[in-house]
């Protein structure tokens, strides 16, 4: 009897199937990345209406982002709106951050580095503390007495978040008493980095820091989606103990 009913209502069934297929085709692409659910809102050249106001522009793994504020006007999905081209000569699109998958507590993050004659250490430190949300910075200074002066020029609040280790050592060349470069400088670099990381790791354990990142003084942590580094690392699965930052 059900078979006869379907035959008698085959036009209705066909219409329902058509609607179901059309609905599936219109489904908006979405993807979850490190605690945020992104939903595609526009192709390049169109307008993106994003209720959260958090919009990213790009393609593949190349993105820039804007924080426009909730219920802001639609934004044009083009290079002019975002100020740069994250994926040159490739067709781009816009995605809207719909929601966080869960309310995660930001991870506590520290940086450790070896530093020698840094170009602008004060700006480097302030950038990571205030823009990226790093909680503490460990610096092993080599052949750079001016590093201590740079740290002392920071605000008292920022100075409290920097640990400076001086490394007096014999001269590399043996020509000057003021030359404090380590012996066999280049072949021991990795060993010195490992020692600094181990020392910083012990300190982080005492401070309750969740993640320790090693970078150089000519490198910057950068999140193209305008998120703090602690928010990103909080979304890393708990069974992972290491993460690589792609340069």
C-alpha atoms as a PDB file:
ATOM      1  CA  UNK A   1       0.000   0.000   0.000  1.00  0.00           C
ATOM      2  CA  UNK A   2       2.863   2.328   0.677  1.00  0.00           C
ATOM      3  CA  UNK A   3       4.178   1.537  -2.782  1.00  0.00           C
ATOM      4  CA  UNK A   4       0.893   2.550  -4.379  1.00  0.00           C
ATOM      5  CA  UNK A   5       0.837   5.725  -2.303  1.00  0.00           C
ATOM      6  CA  UNK A   6       4.277   6.679  -3.548  1.00  0.00           C
ATOM      7  CA  UNK A   7       3.241   6.099  -7.135  1.00  0.00           C
ATOM      8  CA  UNK A   8       0.133   8.163  -6.666  1.00  0.00           C
ATOM      9  CA  UNK A   9       2.192  10.989  -5.167  1.00  0.00           C
ATOM     10  CA  UNK A  10       5.270  10.686  -7.323  1.00  0.00           C
ATOM     11  CA  UNK A  11       5.153  14.377  -8.279  1.00  0.00           C
ATOM     12  CA  UNK A  12       5.119  15.421  -4.635  1.00  0.00           C
ATOM     13  CA  UNK A  13       7.976  13.025  -3.884  1.00  0.00           C
ATOM     14  CA  UNK A  14       9.978  14.348  -6.811  1.00  0.00           C
ATOM     15  CA  UNK A  15       9.417  17.884  -5.593  1.00  0.00           C
ATOM     16  CA  UNK A  16      10.560  16.953  -2.096  1.00  0.00           C
ATOM     17  CA  UNK A  17      13.663  15.298  -3.468  1.00  0.00           C
ATOM     18  CA  UNK A  18      14.369  18.346  -5.583  1.00  0.00           C
ATOM     19  CA  UNK A  19      14.046  20.643  -2.608  1.00  0.00           C
ATOM     20  CA  UNK A  20      16.288  18.426  -0.496  1.00  0.00           C
ATOM     21  CA  UNK A  21      18.927  18.422  -3.226  1.00  0.00           C
ATOM     22  CA  UNK A  22      18.696  22.188  -3.676  1.00  0.00           C
ATOM     23  CA  UNK A  23      19.011  22.684   0.070  1.00  0.00           C
ATOM     24  CA  UNK A  24      22.145  20.563   0.124  1.00  0.00           C
ATOM     25  CA  UNK A  25      23.680  22.525  -2.722  1.00  0.00           C
ATOM     26  CA  UNK A  26      23.017  25.803  -0.898  1.00  0.00           C
ATOM     27  CA  UNK A  27      24.695  24.651   2.321  1.00  0.00           C
ATOM     28  CA  UNK A  28      27.269  27.233   3.360  1.00  0.00           C
ATOM     29  CA  UNK A  29      30.802  25.827   3.626  1.00  0.00           C
ATOM     30  CA  UNK A  30      32.244  25.994   7.119  1.00  0.00           C
ATOM     31  CA  UNK A  31      35.367  24.795   8.885  1.00  0.00           C
ATOM     32  CA  UNK A  32      36.573  24.719  12.482  1.00  0.00           C
ATOM     33  CA  UNK A  33      40.111  25.942  13.109  1.00  0.00           C
ATOM     34  CA  UNK A  34      41.704  26.197  16.542  1.00  0.00           C
ATOM     35  CA  UNK A  35      38.534  26.892  18.464  1.00  0.00           C
ATOM     36  CA  UNK A  36      36.759  29.095  15.902  1.00  0.00           C
ATOM     37  CA  UNK A  37      34.049  28.026  13.489  1.00  0.00           C
ATOM     38  CA  UNK A  38      34.472  29.854  10.175  1.00  0.00           C
ATOM     39  CA  UNK A  39      31.706  30.143   7.589  1.00  0.00           C
ATOM     40  CA  UNK A  40      32.213  31.266   4.000  1.00  0.00           C
ATOM     41  CA  UNK A  41      30.406  34.558   3.409  1.00  0.00           C
ATOM     42  CA  UNK A  42      31.572  35.916   0.050  1.00  0.00           C
ATOM     43  CA  UNK A  43      33.714  35.389  -3.008  1.00  0.00           C
ATOM     44  CA  UNK A  44      36.281  38.026  -3.894  1.00  0.00           C
ATOM     45  CA  UNK A  45      34.483  41.070  -5.268  1.00  0.00           C
ATOM     46  CA  UNK A  46      31.242  40.412  -3.374  1.00  0.00           C
ATOM     47  CA  UNK A  47      30.079  41.740  -0.003  1.00  0.00           C
ATOM     48  CA  UNK A  48      30.365  39.738   3.213  1.00  0.00           C
ATOM     49  CA  UNK A  49      27.690  40.167   5.894  1.00  0.00           C
ATOM     50  CA  UNK A  50      29.163  38.867   9.149  1.00  0.00           C
ATOM     51  CA  UNK A  51      27.208  39.087  12.395  1.00  0.00           C
ATOM     52  CA  UNK A  52      30.297  38.698  14.592  1.00  0.00           C
ATOM     53  CA  UNK A  53      32.253  41.311  12.644  1.00  0.00           C
ATOM     54  CA  UNK A  54      35.300  39.008  12.582  1.00  0.00           C
ATOM     55  CA  UNK A  55      36.102  38.464   8.898  1.00  0.00           C
ATOM     56  CA  UNK A  56      39.097  36.887   7.215  1.00  0.00           C
ATOM     57  CA  UNK A  57      40.153  37.352   3.585  1.00  0.00           C
ATOM     58  CA  UNK A  58      42.394  35.033   1.615  1.00  0.00           C
ATOM     59  CA  UNK A  59      42.709  31.500   0.338  1.00  0.00           C
ATOM     60  CA  UNK A  60      44.162  28.183   1.503  1.00  0.00           C
ATOM     61  CA  UNK A  61      46.523  28.933   4.399  1.00  0.00           C
ATOM     62  CA  UNK A  62      47.071  32.610   3.506  1.00  0.00           C
ATOM     63  CA  UNK A  63      44.747  35.017   5.363  1.00  0.00           C
ATOM     64  CA  UNK A  64      44.403  38.487   6.820  1.00  0.00           C
ATOM     65  CA  UNK A  65      41.570  39.412   9.179  1.00  0.00           C
ATOM     66  CA  UNK A  66      39.495  42.354  10.358  1.00  0.00           C
ATOM     67  CA  UNK A  67      37.695  42.874  13.650  1.00  0.00           C
ATOM     68  CA  UNK A  68      34.787  45.112  12.619  1.00  0.00           C
ATOM     69  CA  UNK A  69      32.589  44.663  15.670  1.00  0.00           C
ATOM     70  CA  UNK A  70      29.299  42.812  16.014  1.00  0.00           C
ATOM     71  CA  UNK A  71      26.430  43.773  13.699  1.00  0.00           C
ATOM     72  CA  UNK A  72      28.705  45.927  11.544  1.00  0.00           C
ATOM     73  CA  UNK A  73      27.826  46.771   7.932  1.00  0.00           C
ATOM     74  CA  UNK A  74      28.796  44.259   5.225  1.00  0.00           C
ATOM     75  CA  UNK A  75      32.414  44.534   4.119  1.00  0.00           C
ATOM     76  CA  UNK A  76      33.600  44.333   0.525  1.00  0.00           C
ATOM     77  CA  UNK A  77      35.616  41.197  -0.025  1.00  0.00           C
ATOM     78  CA  UNK A  78      38.605  42.765  -1.739  1.00  0.00           C
ATOM     79  CA  UNK A  79      42.189  43.855  -1.178  1.00  0.00           C
ATOM     80  CA  UNK A  80      41.232  47.484  -0.516  1.00  0.00           C
ATOM     81  CA  UNK A  81      39.046  46.558   2.457  1.00  0.00           C
ATOM     82  CA  UNK A  82      41.741  44.442   4.123  1.00  0.00           C
ATOM     83  CA  UNK A  83      44.767  46.538   3.199  1.00  0.00           C
ATOM     84  CA  UNK A  84      46.898  43.787   1.697  1.00  0.00           C
ATOM     85  CA  UNK A  85      46.886  40.814  -0.629  1.00  0.00           C
ATOM     86  CA  UNK A  86      47.517  37.639   1.408  1.00  0.00           C
ATOM     87  CA  UNK A  87      47.534  35.312  -1.620  1.00  0.00           C
ATOM     88  CA  UNK A  88      48.975  37.140  -4.620  1.00  0.00           C
ATOM     89  CA  UNK A  89      47.603  36.226  -8.014  1.00  0.00           C
ATOM     90  CA  UNK A  90      45.111  33.755  -6.528  1.00  0.00           C
ATOM     91  CA  UNK A  91      41.332  33.984  -6.304  1.00  0.00           C
ATOM     92  CA  UNK A  92      40.386  34.750  -2.710  1.00  0.00           C
ATOM     93  CA  UNK A  93      37.242  34.667  -0.567  1.00  0.00           C
ATOM     94  CA  UNK A  94      35.884  35.905   2.748  1.00  0.00           C
ATOM     95  CA  UNK A  95      34.921  33.850   5.773  1.00  0.00           C
ATOM     96  CA  UNK A  96      33.063  34.949   8.903  1.00  0.00           C
ATOM     97  CA  UNK A  97      33.879  33.698  12.399  1.00  0.00           C
ATOM     98  CA  UNK A  98      30.511  32.375  13.510  1.00  0.00           C
ATOM     99  CA  UNK A  99      31.346  31.214  17.025  1.00  0.00           C
ATOM    100  CA  UNK A 100      33.925  29.497  19.159  1.00  0.00           C
ATOM    101  CA  UNK A 101      33.399  25.765  19.420  1.00  0.00           C
ATOM    102  CA  UNK A 102      33.668  26.030  23.193  1.00  0.00           C
ATOM    103  CA  UNK A 103      34.538  28.616  25.792  1.00  0.00           C
ATOM    104  CA  UNK A 104      38.254  27.902  26.202  1.00  0.00           C
ATOM    105  CA  UNK A 105      40.478  29.485  28.823  1.00  0.00           C
ATOM    106  CA  UNK A 106      43.451  31.152  27.068  1.00  0.00           C
ATOM    107  CA  UNK A 107      46.728  29.287  27.431  1.00  0.00           C
ATOM    108  CA  UNK A 108      49.598  30.953  29.279  1.00  0.00           C
ATOM    109  CA  UNK A 109      52.505  31.435  26.865  1.00  0.00           C
ATOM    110  CA  UNK A 110      56.175  32.378  27.237  1.00  0.00           C
ATOM    111  CA  UNK A 111      59.013  32.991  24.771  1.00  0.00           C
ATOM    112  CA  UNK A 112      62.683  32.064  25.117  1.00  0.00           C
ATOM    113  CA  UNK A 113      65.478  33.268  22.840  1.00  0.00           C
ATOM    114  CA  UNK A 114      69.187  33.859  22.461  1.00  0.00           C
ATOM    115  CA  UNK A 115      69.807  37.474  21.487  1.00  0.00           C
ATOM    116  CA  UNK A 116      72.826  39.246  20.046  1.00  0.00           C
ATOM    117  CA  UNK A 117      72.750  42.890  18.956  1.00  0.00           C
ATOM    118  CA  UNK A 118      68.971  42.947  18.385  1.00  0.00           C
ATOM    119  CA  UNK A 119      67.793  45.759  16.063  1.00  0.00           C
ATOM    120  CA  UNK A 120      64.943  47.050  18.283  1.00  0.00           C
ATOM    121  CA  UNK A 121      64.474  44.882  21.350  1.00  0.00           C
ATOM    122  CA  UNK A 122      62.103  47.260  23.157  1.00  0.00           C
ATOM    123  CA  UNK A 123      59.596  47.223  20.291  1.00  0.00           C
ATOM    124  CA  UNK A 124      60.033  43.454  19.911  1.00  0.00           C
ATOM    125  CA  UNK A 125      59.248  42.879  23.594  1.00  0.00           C
ATOM    126  CA  UNK A 126      56.273  45.262  23.701  1.00  0.00           C
ATOM    127  CA  UNK A 127      54.820  43.720  20.542  1.00  0.00           C
ATOM    128  CA  UNK A 128      54.825  40.215  21.978  1.00  0.00           C
ATOM    129  CA  UNK A 129      53.619  41.212  25.435  1.00  0.00           C
ATOM    130  CA  UNK A 130      50.797  43.510  24.343  1.00  0.00           C
ATOM    131  CA  UNK A 131      49.821  42.527  20.805  1.00  0.00           C
ATOM    132  CA  UNK A 132      50.296  38.763  20.935  1.00  0.00           C
ATOM    133  CA  UNK A 133      49.484  38.329  24.630  1.00  0.00           C
ATOM    134  CA  UNK A 134      52.722  36.567  25.629  1.00  0.00           C
ATOM    135  CA  UNK A 135      52.959  36.403  29.427  1.00  0.00           C
ATOM    136  CA  UNK A 136      56.728  36.184  29.923  1.00  0.00           C
ATOM    137  CA  UNK A 137      59.935  36.477  27.869  1.00  0.00           C
ATOM    138  CA  UNK A 138      63.252  34.810  28.709  1.00  0.00           C
ATOM    139  CA  UNK A 139      66.311  36.363  27.033  1.00  0.00           C
ATOM    140  CA  UNK A 140      69.822  34.932  27.052  1.00  0.00           C
ATOM    141  CA  UNK A 141      72.001  37.882  26.037  1.00  0.00           C
ATOM    142  CA  UNK A 142      75.212  37.142  24.151  1.00  0.00           C
ATOM    143  CA  UNK A 143      77.863  39.742  23.282  1.00  0.00           C
ATOM    144  CA  UNK A 144      75.228  42.476  23.784  1.00  0.00           C
ATOM    145  CA  UNK A 145      75.567  44.627  26.920  1.00  0.00           C
ATOM    146  CA  UNK A 146      73.017  47.073  25.464  1.00  0.00           C
ATOM    147  CA  UNK A 147      70.249  44.489  25.945  1.00  0.00           C
ATOM    148  CA  UNK A 148      70.169  45.198  29.679  1.00  0.00           C
ATOM    149  CA  UNK A 149      69.815  48.928  28.961  1.00  0.00           C
ATOM    150  CA  UNK A 150      66.929  48.255  26.559  1.00  0.00           C
ATOM    151  CA  UNK A 151      65.066  46.184  29.150  1.00  0.00           C
ATOM    152  CA  UNK A 152      65.558  48.886  31.787  1.00  0.00           C
ATOM    153  CA  UNK A 153      63.888  51.403  29.454  1.00  0.00           C
ATOM    154  CA  UNK A 154      60.656  49.408  29.491  1.00  0.00           C
ATOM    155  CA  UNK A 155      57.821  50.195  31.877  1.00  0.00           C
ATOM    156  CA  UNK A 156      58.043  48.600  35.298  1.00  0.00           C
ATOM    157  CA  UNK A 157      55.109  46.362  34.379  1.00  0.00           C
ATOM    158  CA  UNK A 158      56.864  45.101  31.238  1.00  0.00           C
ATOM    159  CA  UNK A 159      60.222  44.695  32.991  1.00  0.00           C
ATOM    160  CA  UNK A 160      58.553  42.315  35.451  1.00  0.00           C
ATOM    161  CA  UNK A 161      57.661  40.080  32.504  1.00  0.00           C
ATOM    162  CA  UNK A 162      61.226  39.792  31.181  1.00  0.00           C
ATOM    163  CA  UNK A 163      63.929  37.519  32.581  1.00  0.00           C
ATOM    164  CA  UNK A 164      67.415  38.434  31.337  1.00  0.00           C
ATOM    165  CA  UNK A 165      70.321  36.008  31.550  1.00  0.00           C
ATOM    166  CA  UNK A 166      73.796  37.358  30.886  1.00  0.00           C
ATOM    167  CA  UNK A 167      76.386  34.891  29.578  1.00  0.00           C
ATOM    168  CA  UNK A 168      79.921  35.998  30.420  1.00  0.00           C
ATOM    169  CA  UNK A 169      82.315  33.685  28.615  1.00  0.00           C
ATOM    170  CA  UNK A 170      85.858  33.615  27.242  1.00  0.00           C
ATOM    171  CA  UNK A 171      86.566  35.546  24.060  1.00  0.00           C
ATOM    172  CA  UNK A 172      85.876  33.779  20.802  1.00  0.00           C
ATOM    173  CA  UNK A 173      88.975  35.256  19.217  1.00  0.00           C
ATOM    174  CA  UNK A 174      91.084  35.834  22.327  1.00  0.00           C
ATOM    175  CA  UNK A 175      91.965  39.313  21.112  1.00  0.00           C
ATOM    176  CA  UNK A 176      90.023  41.546  23.481  1.00  0.00           C
ATOM    177  CA  UNK A 177      88.928  41.411  27.093  1.00  0.00           C
ATOM    178  CA  UNK A 178      85.647  43.025  26.061  1.00  0.00           C
ATOM    179  CA  UNK A 179      84.853  40.353  23.459  1.00  0.00           C
ATOM    180  CA  UNK A 180      82.344  38.103  25.267  1.00  0.00           C
ATOM    181  CA  UNK A 181      81.255  35.965  22.351  1.00  0.00           C
ATOM    182  CA  UNK A 182      81.137  32.263  23.266  1.00  0.00           C
ATOM    183  CA  UNK A 183      83.990  30.015  22.280  1.00  0.00           C
ATOM    184  CA  UNK A 184      83.331  28.083  19.044  1.00  0.00           C
ATOM    185  CA  UNK A 185      80.337  30.333  18.482  1.00  0.00           C
ATOM    186  CA  UNK A 186      78.500  28.758  15.560  1.00  0.00           C
ATOM    187  CA  UNK A 187      79.011  25.063  16.192  1.00  0.00           C
ATOM    188  CA  UNK A 188      77.716  25.386  19.749  1.00  0.00           C
ATOM    189  CA  UNK A 189      74.673  27.527  18.884  1.00  0.00           C
ATOM    190  CA  UNK A 190      72.176  24.682  19.005  1.00  0.00           C
ATOM    191  CA  UNK A 191      73.575  23.456  22.314  1.00  0.00           C
ATOM    192  CA  UNK A 192      73.248  26.953  23.809  1.00  0.00           C
ATOM    193  CA  UNK A 193      69.683  27.241  22.519  1.00  0.00           C
ATOM    194  CA  UNK A 194      68.805  23.870  24.039  1.00  0.00           C
ATOM    195  CA  UNK A 195      70.308  24.886  27.381  1.00  0.00           C
ATOM    196  CA  UNK A 196      68.334  28.163  27.371  1.00  0.00           C
ATOM    197  CA  UNK A 197      65.114  26.310  26.540  1.00  0.00           C
ATOM    198  CA  UNK A 198      65.676  23.805  29.370  1.00  0.00           C
ATOM    199  CA  UNK A 199      66.295  26.624  31.834  1.00  0.00           C
ATOM    200  CA  UNK A 200      63.198  28.496  30.664  1.00  0.00           C
ATOM    201  CA  UNK A 201      61.115  25.316  30.780  1.00  0.00           C
ATOM    202  CA  UNK A 202      61.987  24.796  34.438  1.00  0.00           C
ATOM    203  CA  UNK A 203      61.004  28.389  35.183  1.00  0.00           C
ATOM    204  CA  UNK A 204      57.741  27.984  33.255  1.00  0.00           C
ATOM    205  CA  UNK A 205      56.837  24.925  35.292  1.00  0.00           C
ATOM    206  CA  UNK A 206      57.223  26.968  38.461  1.00  0.00           C
ATOM    207  CA  UNK A 207      55.198  29.870  37.011  1.00  0.00           C
ATOM    208  CA  UNK A 208      52.386  27.698  35.655  1.00  0.00           C
ATOM    209  CA  UNK A 209      53.093  28.587  32.005  1.00  0.00           C
ATOM    210  CA  UNK A 210      51.413  26.210  29.546  1.00  0.00           C
ATOM    211  CA  UNK A 211      53.456  26.773  26.359  1.00  0.00           C
ATOM    212  CA  UNK A 212      57.076  27.808  25.721  1.00  0.00           C
ATOM    213  CA  UNK A 213      58.022  29.103  22.265  1.00  0.00           C
ATOM    214  CA  UNK A 214      61.577  29.514  20.950  1.00  0.00           C
ATOM    215  CA  UNK A 215      62.067  32.221  18.318  1.00  0.00           C
ATOM    216  CA  UNK A 216      64.863  34.631  17.365  1.00  0.00           C
ATOM    217  CA  UNK A 217      65.074  38.377  17.932  1.00  0.00           C
ATOM    218  CA  UNK A 218      64.558  39.016  14.202  1.00  0.00           C
ATOM    219  CA  UNK A 219      61.342  36.962  14.126  1.00  0.00           C
ATOM    220  CA  UNK A 220      57.814  37.835  15.251  1.00  0.00           C
ATOM    221  CA  UNK A 221      54.865  35.702  16.265  1.00  0.00           C
ATOM    222  CA  UNK A 222      52.000  36.708  13.999  1.00  0.00           C
ATOM    223  CA  UNK A 223      48.384  35.617  13.889  1.00  0.00           C
ATOM    224  CA  UNK A 224      46.752  36.740  10.621  1.00  0.00           C
ATOM    225  CA  UNK A 225      43.322  36.238  12.197  1.00  0.00           C
ATOM    226  CA  UNK A 226      43.897  38.893  14.907  1.00  0.00           C
ATOM    227  CA  UNK A 227      43.833  36.377  17.756  1.00  0.00           C
ATOM    228  CA  UNK A 228      46.097  36.226  20.782  1.00  0.00           C
ATOM    229  CA  UNK A 229      48.631  33.412  20.771  1.00  0.00           C
ATOM    230  CA  UNK A 230      47.136  32.047  24.006  1.00  0.00           C
ATOM    231  CA  UNK A 231      43.708  31.700  22.358  1.00  0.00           C
ATOM    232  CA  UNK A 232      45.213  29.747  19.470  1.00  0.00           C
ATOM    233  CA  UNK A 233      47.236  27.401  21.646  1.00  0.00           C
ATOM    234  CA  UNK A 234      44.305  26.811  24.007  1.00  0.00           C
ATOM    235  CA  UNK A 235      42.517  25.129  21.101  1.00  0.00           C
ATOM    236  CA  UNK A 236      45.356  22.683  20.394  1.00  0.00           C
ATOM    237  CA  UNK A 237      44.170  19.159  21.330  1.00  0.00           C
ATOM    238  CA  UNK A 238      45.261  18.213  24.850  1.00  0.00           C
ATOM    239  CA  UNK A 239      47.001  15.037  23.650  1.00  0.00           C
ATOM    240  CA  UNK A 240      49.596  17.114  21.737  1.00  0.00           C
ATOM    241  CA  UNK A 241      52.707  18.302  23.569  1.00  0.00           C
ATOM    242  CA  UNK A 242      54.363  20.235  20.721  1.00  0.00           C
ATOM    243  CA  UNK A 243      53.229  22.520  17.904  1.00  0.00           C
ATOM    244  CA  UNK A 244      55.187  24.010  14.980  1.00  0.00           C
ATOM    245  CA  UNK A 245      54.781  27.635  13.931  1.00  0.00           C
ATOM    246  CA  UNK A 246      54.850  27.820  10.147  1.00  0.00           C
ATOM    247  CA  UNK A 247      57.000  30.672   8.872  1.00  0.00           C
END
